[in-house]
Amino acid sequence: MRRLALAGGVLAIAAALIVRLHAPVDARDRLTGIVLLAPSATTIMLHHAPFGGMPAMSMDFSVPPGTNVHPGERIAADVDRTTEPWSLSAIRVISAAPSTSNFTHPAFLATGDLVPDLAVIDQRGRHETLAALRGQPYVLTFIYTRCRDPKMCPFVSAKLRQVESRTAGTPVQLVEVSLDPAYDRPPVLARYGTLFGADPARWHLFTGDPRTVLDFAARFRILERSAGPDTIVHTERLAIVDAGGHITRFLDDTAWQPATVASALEVLVR
């Protein structure tokens, strides 16, 4: 089952690349998408809707210097596929990022803050709290099991598998909190964890009360919105947490390296 799942992921990535490589050289299309990361220099990551033969997926695009868009906003833009990476122009915000004003705790967390406690249920059906992890450093991130985007949740979980391996024999813990808590109940999380070789003694896949869990995610600046019956588009963030439960570092995209994260955690162990 695990090999089939991994093979399916590889085929999905290959199919997307084939579509991209065979796109007409002079193609210009109009796309819509949700901003996942704020522009860095002249690039941006979007989760775009299907366009010009491309399936919906997350991609990096080049944008004009000074482009002013924010994570969670839905934009429309013209795409020039003659550049590498493909470039966007005539960018227009068509809807704002989801408001955090309806959350119980709208205050965003910063480096040095204590991770708030959260009542959770793990992949074994055990009722726990995040506070119970204090006393050992851990890495915390957010996923949902129905994600099929090869650059998002499956990519993050595959890299956490490497972190798990690199930190074997240490008290380091790994935590993934579901952004689809109503669907991601313990049996679903257990199957997902098995695909990535998650040791439930160290690698915790958490769900819980949907409003409480999403409120918790919002404090980490995780903006999420539905993009279909089983698709959630969300921003990315990984937190490294010390044994006292304090955030020591944030990584705000999926490009982080397992060796870097593992090394940071091992320093906290020492």
Protein backbone atom coordinates (compact mmCIF):
# COMPACT_ATOMS: atom_id res chain seq x y z
CA MET A 1 0.00 0.00 0.00
CA ARG A 2 2.76 2.43 0.92
CA ARG A 3 4.64 1.72 -2.33
CA LEU A 4 1.46 2.21 -4.35
CA ALA A 5 0.73 5.51 -2.61
CA LEU A 6 4.26 6.79 -3.16
CA ALA A 7 4.18 5.64 -6.78
CA GLY A 8 0.89 7.48 -7.25
CA GLY A 9 2.48 10.64 -5.89
CA VAL A 10 5.43 10.31 -8.27
CA LEU A 11 3.08 9.79 -11.21
CA ALA A 12 1.07 12.90 -10.24
CA ILE A 13 4.22 15.01 -10.17
CA ALA A 14 5.42 13.55 -13.48
CA ALA A 15 2.05 14.22 -15.13
CA ALA A 16 2.08 17.84 -14.02
CA LEU A 17 5.61 18.29 -15.33
CA ILE A 18 4.72 16.71 -18.68
CA VAL A 19 1.77 19.08 -19.08
CA ARG A 20 4.03 22.01 -18.28
CA LEU A 21 6.80 20.94 -20.65
CA HIS A 22 4.37 20.51 -23.53
CA ALA A 23 2.50 23.78 -23.02
CA PRO A 24 2.46 25.95 -26.18
CA VAL A 25 5.55 28.17 -26.26
CA ASP A 26 3.56 31.32 -26.92
CA ALA A 27 0.81 30.50 -24.45
CA ARG A 28 -0.77 33.33 -22.46
CA ASP A 29 -3.61 32.53 -20.14
CA ARG A 30 -5.61 34.15 -17.39
CA LEU A 31 -5.46 32.29 -14.10
CA THR A 32 -6.96 32.62 -10.66
CA GLY A 33 -5.25 31.38 -7.53
CA ILE A 34 -4.76 31.77 -3.81
CA VAL A 35 -1.53 33.27 -2.53
CA LEU A 36 0.28 30.78 -0.27
CA LEU A 37 3.40 32.82 0.44
CA ALA A 38 3.96 36.56 0.25
CA PRO A 39 6.26 37.61 -2.61
CA SER A 40 9.94 36.92 -1.96
CA ALA A 41 12.04 39.21 -4.17
CA THR A 42 10.31 38.55 -7.50
CA THR A 43 8.69 35.15 -6.95
CA ILE A 44 5.41 34.05 -5.43
CA MET A 45 3.77 30.69 -4.62
CA LEU A 46 0.16 30.22 -5.69
CA HIS A 47 -2.34 27.41 -5.54
CA HIS A 48 -3.99 28.00 -8.91
CA ALA A 49 -7.18 26.73 -10.46
CA PRO A 50 -6.89 24.67 -13.69
CA PHE A 51 -5.85 26.73 -16.70
CA GLY A 52 -4.44 26.13 -20.18
CA GLY A 53 -4.20 22.36 -19.74
CA MET A 54 -2.58 22.64 -16.29
CA PRO A 55 -4.36 20.90 -13.40
CA ALA A 56 -4.94 22.73 -10.14
CA MET A 57 -1.73 22.69 -8.11
CA SER A 58 0.75 24.87 -6.22
CA MET A 59 3.52 26.52 -8.24
CA ASP A 60 6.08 29.30 -8.03
CA PHE A 61 5.69 32.20 -10.47
CA SER A 62 7.79 35.29 -11.08
CA VAL A 63 6.07 38.62 -10.43
CA PRO A 64 7.03 42.26 -11.02
CA PRO A 65 9.12 43.87 -8.25
CA GLY A 66 6.98 45.55 -5.63
CA THR A 67 3.97 43.27 -6.16
CA ASN A 68 1.75 43.84 -3.13
CA VAL A 69 -0.30 40.74 -2.35
CA HIS A 70 -0.72 38.78 0.87
CA PRO A 71 -1.16 35.12 1.90
CA GLY A 72 -4.75 33.98 1.68
CA GLU A 73 -5.78 36.49 -0.99
CA ARG A 74 -7.35 35.22 -4.19
CA ILE A 75 -5.87 36.87 -7.26
CA ALA A 76 -6.33 36.90 -11.02
CA ALA A 77 -3.40 37.42 -13.39
CA ASP A 78 -2.13 36.93 -16.92
CA VAL A 79 0.43 34.11 -17.30
CA ASP A 80 3.39 34.21 -19.67
CA ARG A 81 4.65 30.66 -20.23
CA THR A 82 7.69 31.70 -22.29
CA THR A 83 9.64 32.57 -19.14
CA GLU A 84 11.17 30.36 -16.44
CA PRO A 85 9.55 30.33 -13.99
CA TRP A 86 6.34 31.35 -15.68
CA SER A 87 5.60 35.00 -14.99
CA LEU A 88 2.47 36.87 -13.92
CA SER A 89 1.31 40.32 -14.96
CA ALA A 90 -1.86 42.40 -14.64
CA ILE A 91 -2.27 41.00 -11.13
CA ARG A 92 -5.53 41.87 -9.44
CA VAL A 93 -6.81 40.88 -5.98
CA ILE A 94 -10.34 39.52 -6.39
CA SER A 95 -11.03 38.54 -2.77
CA ALA A 96 -9.35 39.25 0.54
CA ALA A 97 -7.70 36.73 2.83
CA PRO A 98 -10.04 35.03 5.30
CA SER A 99 -10.64 37.21 8.34
CA THR A 100 -9.25 36.07 11.68
CA SER A 101 -11.71 38.28 13.56
CA ASN A 102 -14.08 35.37 14.14
CA PHE A 103 -11.49 33.31 16.00
CA THR A 104 -11.53 33.11 19.78
CA HIS A 105 -7.80 33.92 20.00
CA PRO A 106 -6.86 36.21 17.10
CA ALA A 107 -3.42 37.09 18.52
CA PHE A 108 -0.65 35.72 16.32
CA LEU A 109 2.23 33.83 17.91
CA ALA A 110 5.84 35.01 17.62
CA THR A 111 9.28 33.52 18.23
CA GLY A 112 9.75 33.06 21.98
CA ASP A 113 6.05 32.59 22.70
CA LEU A 114 4.75 29.58 24.59
CA VAL A 115 2.76 27.22 22.36
CA PRO A 116 -0.85 27.38 23.63
CA ASP A 117 -2.25 24.21 25.09
CA LEU A 118 -4.67 22.31 22.90
CA ALA A 119 -6.91 19.31 23.63
CA VAL A 120 -6.26 16.80 20.84
CA ILE A 121 -6.83 13.19 19.79
CA ASP A 122 -3.95 11.29 18.18
CA GLN A 123 -3.91 8.63 15.47
CA ARG A 124 -4.33 5.92 18.12
CA GLY A 125 -7.51 7.51 19.44
CA ARG A 126 -5.81 8.76 22.60
CA HIS A 127 -7.00 12.02 24.13
CA GLU A 128 -3.98 14.19 24.88
CA THR A 129 -2.88 17.81 25.21
CA LEU A 130 -0.02 19.64 23.55
CA ALA A 131 1.19 20.63 27.01
CA ALA A 132 1.98 16.97 27.63
CA LEU A 133 4.82 17.28 25.09
CA ARG A 134 6.68 19.80 27.23
CA GLY A 135 9.96 18.42 28.49
CA GLN A 136 11.10 17.42 25.00
CA PRO A 137 11.70 19.53 21.87
CA TYR A 138 9.41 19.05 18.91
CA VAL A 139 8.58 20.26 15.44
CA LEU A 140 5.01 21.36 14.71
CA THR A 141 3.29 21.78 11.35
CA PHE A 142 -0.15 21.53 9.72
CA ILE A 143 -1.48 19.13 7.07
CA TYR A 144 -4.64 17.41 5.93
CA THR A 145 -4.74 13.82 4.72
CA ARG A 146 -6.82 14.35 1.56
CA CYS A 147 -4.21 16.73 0.13
CA ARG A 148 -3.09 15.61 -3.35
CA ASP A 149 -0.86 18.59 -4.10
CA PRO A 150 2.67 17.18 -4.56
CA LYS A 151 4.30 20.39 -3.29
CA MET A 152 2.25 20.63 -0.11
CA CYS A 153 1.17 18.17 2.62
CA PRO A 154 2.61 14.92 1.16
CA PHE A 155 5.91 16.73 0.56
CA VAL A 156 5.99 18.03 4.14
CA SER A 157 5.19 14.60 5.61
CA ALA A 158 7.81 12.89 3.44
CA LYS A 159 10.42 15.31 4.75
CA LEU A 160 9.28 14.78 8.34
CA ARG A 161 10.00 11.10 7.78
CA GLN A 162 13.61 12.09 7.16
CA VAL A 163 13.61 14.24 10.30
CA GLU A 164 12.26 11.26 12.24
CA SER A 165 15.09 9.10 10.91
CA ARG A 166 17.78 11.71 11.55
CA THR A 167 16.67 12.21 15.16
CA ALA A 168 16.28 8.52 16.02
CA GLY A 169 17.41 7.73 19.54
CA THR A 170 16.66 11.25 20.82
CA PRO A 171 13.60 12.56 22.70
CA VAL A 172 12.64 14.75 19.70
CA GLN A 173 8.94 14.60 18.83
CA LEU A 174 7.12 15.40 15.58
CA VAL A 175 3.64 16.90 15.47
CA GLU A 176 1.25 17.35 12.54
CA VAL A 177 -2.09 19.00 13.29
CA SER A 178 -4.95 18.39 10.85
CA LEU A 179 -6.56 21.31 9.04
CA ASP A 180 -9.48 19.00 8.18
CA PRO A 181 -10.34 17.80 11.69
CA ALA A 182 -13.91 16.81 10.90
CA TYR A 183 -12.67 14.29 8.30
CA ASP A 184 -9.26 13.42 9.73
CA ARG A 185 -10.39 11.26 12.61
CA PRO A 186 -7.99 8.76 14.27
CA PRO A 187 -8.45 5.84 11.80
CA VAL A 188 -7.82 8.20 8.85
CA LEU A 189 -4.76 9.69 10.56
CA ALA A 190 -3.45 6.21 11.39
CA ARG A 191 -3.62 5.16 7.71
CA TYR A 192 -1.91 8.39 6.66
CA GLY A 193 0.82 7.92 9.24
CA THR A 194 1.48 4.39 8.05
CA LEU A 195 2.10 5.67 4.51
CA PHE A 196 4.97 7.79 5.80
CA GLY A 197 6.35 5.40 8.39
CA ALA A 198 5.24 7.50 11.36
CA ASP A 199 6.15 5.97 14.72
CA PRO A 200 3.16 6.95 16.90
CA ALA A 201 5.39 7.03 19.97
CA ARG A 202 7.27 10.01 18.48
CA TRP A 203 5.26 11.25 15.51
CA HIS A 204 1.87 12.57 16.57
CA LEU A 205 -0.96 13.17 14.11
CA PHE A 206 -3.53 15.26 15.94
CA THR A 207 -7.18 16.09 15.37
CA GLY A 208 -9.84 17.44 17.72
CA ASP A 209 -12.80 19.78 17.91
CA PRO A 210 -12.84 21.51 14.49
CA ARG A 211 -13.36 25.07 15.71
CA THR A 212 -10.76 24.72 18.47
CA VAL A 213 -8.17 23.17 16.16
CA LEU A 214 -8.63 25.78 13.42
CA ASP A 215 -8.53 28.53 16.02
CA PHE A 216 -5.18 27.13 17.16
CA ALA A 217 -3.89 27.02 13.56
CA ALA A 218 -4.93 30.64 13.00
CA ARG A 219 -2.62 31.75 15.81
CA PHE A 220 0.25 30.34 13.72
CA ARG A 221 -0.90 32.46 10.76
CA ILE A 222 -2.28 29.42 8.98
CA LEU A 223 -4.98 30.74 6.64
CA GLU A 224 -7.15 28.01 5.16
CA ARG A 225 -10.13 27.97 2.86
CA SER A 226 -12.09 25.34 0.97
CA ALA A 227 -11.35 24.98 -2.73
CA GLY A 228 -13.72 22.07 -3.36
CA PRO A 229 -15.45 19.19 -1.58
CA ASP A 230 -12.17 17.59 -0.47
CA THR A 231 -9.58 20.30 -1.14
CA ILE A 232 -8.25 22.84 1.34
CA VAL A 233 -5.89 25.59 0.26
CA HIS A 234 -3.74 26.79 3.13
CA THR A 235 -0.61 28.72 3.93
CA GLU A 236 2.44 26.85 5.22
CA ARG A 237 4.32 27.22 8.48
CA LEU A 238 6.57 24.96 10.52
CA ALA A 239 7.54 25.77 14.11
CA ILE A 240 10.50 24.41 16.08
CA VAL A 241 9.66 24.23 19.77
CA ASP A 242 12.03 23.82 22.71
CA ALA A 243 11.57 21.53 25.72
CA GLY A 244 9.87 24.32 27.63
CA GLY A 245 7.20 24.63 24.94
CA HIS A 246 8.52 27.91 23.52
CA ILE A 247 8.78 28.61 19.78
CA THR A 248 12.43 29.03 18.78
CA ARG A 249 12.02 29.37 15.02
CA PHE A 250 9.47 29.53 12.20
CA LEU A 251 9.95 28.23 8.65
CA ASP A 252 7.34 29.69 6.32
CA ASP A 253 7.40 27.53 3.21
CA THR A 254 7.80 23.90 2.15
CA ALA A 255 11.40 24.35 0.95
CA TRP A 256 12.95 23.64 4.35
CA GLN A 257 15.57 20.90 4.48
CA PRO A 258 15.19 17.89 6.83
CA ALA A 259 18.86 18.15 7.83
CA THR A 260 18.38 21.78 8.90
CA VAL A 261 15.33 20.99 11.02
CA ALA A 262 16.93 17.88 12.53
CA SER A 263 20.08 19.84 13.44
CA ALA A 264 18.02 22.61 15.10
CA LEU A 265 16.16 20.03 17.16
CA GLU A 266 19.34 18.23 18.17
CA VAL A 267 20.80 21.53 19.42
CA LEU A 268 17.73 21.89 21.65
CA VAL A 269 18.27 18.37 22.96
CA ARG A 270 21.86 19.24 23.92
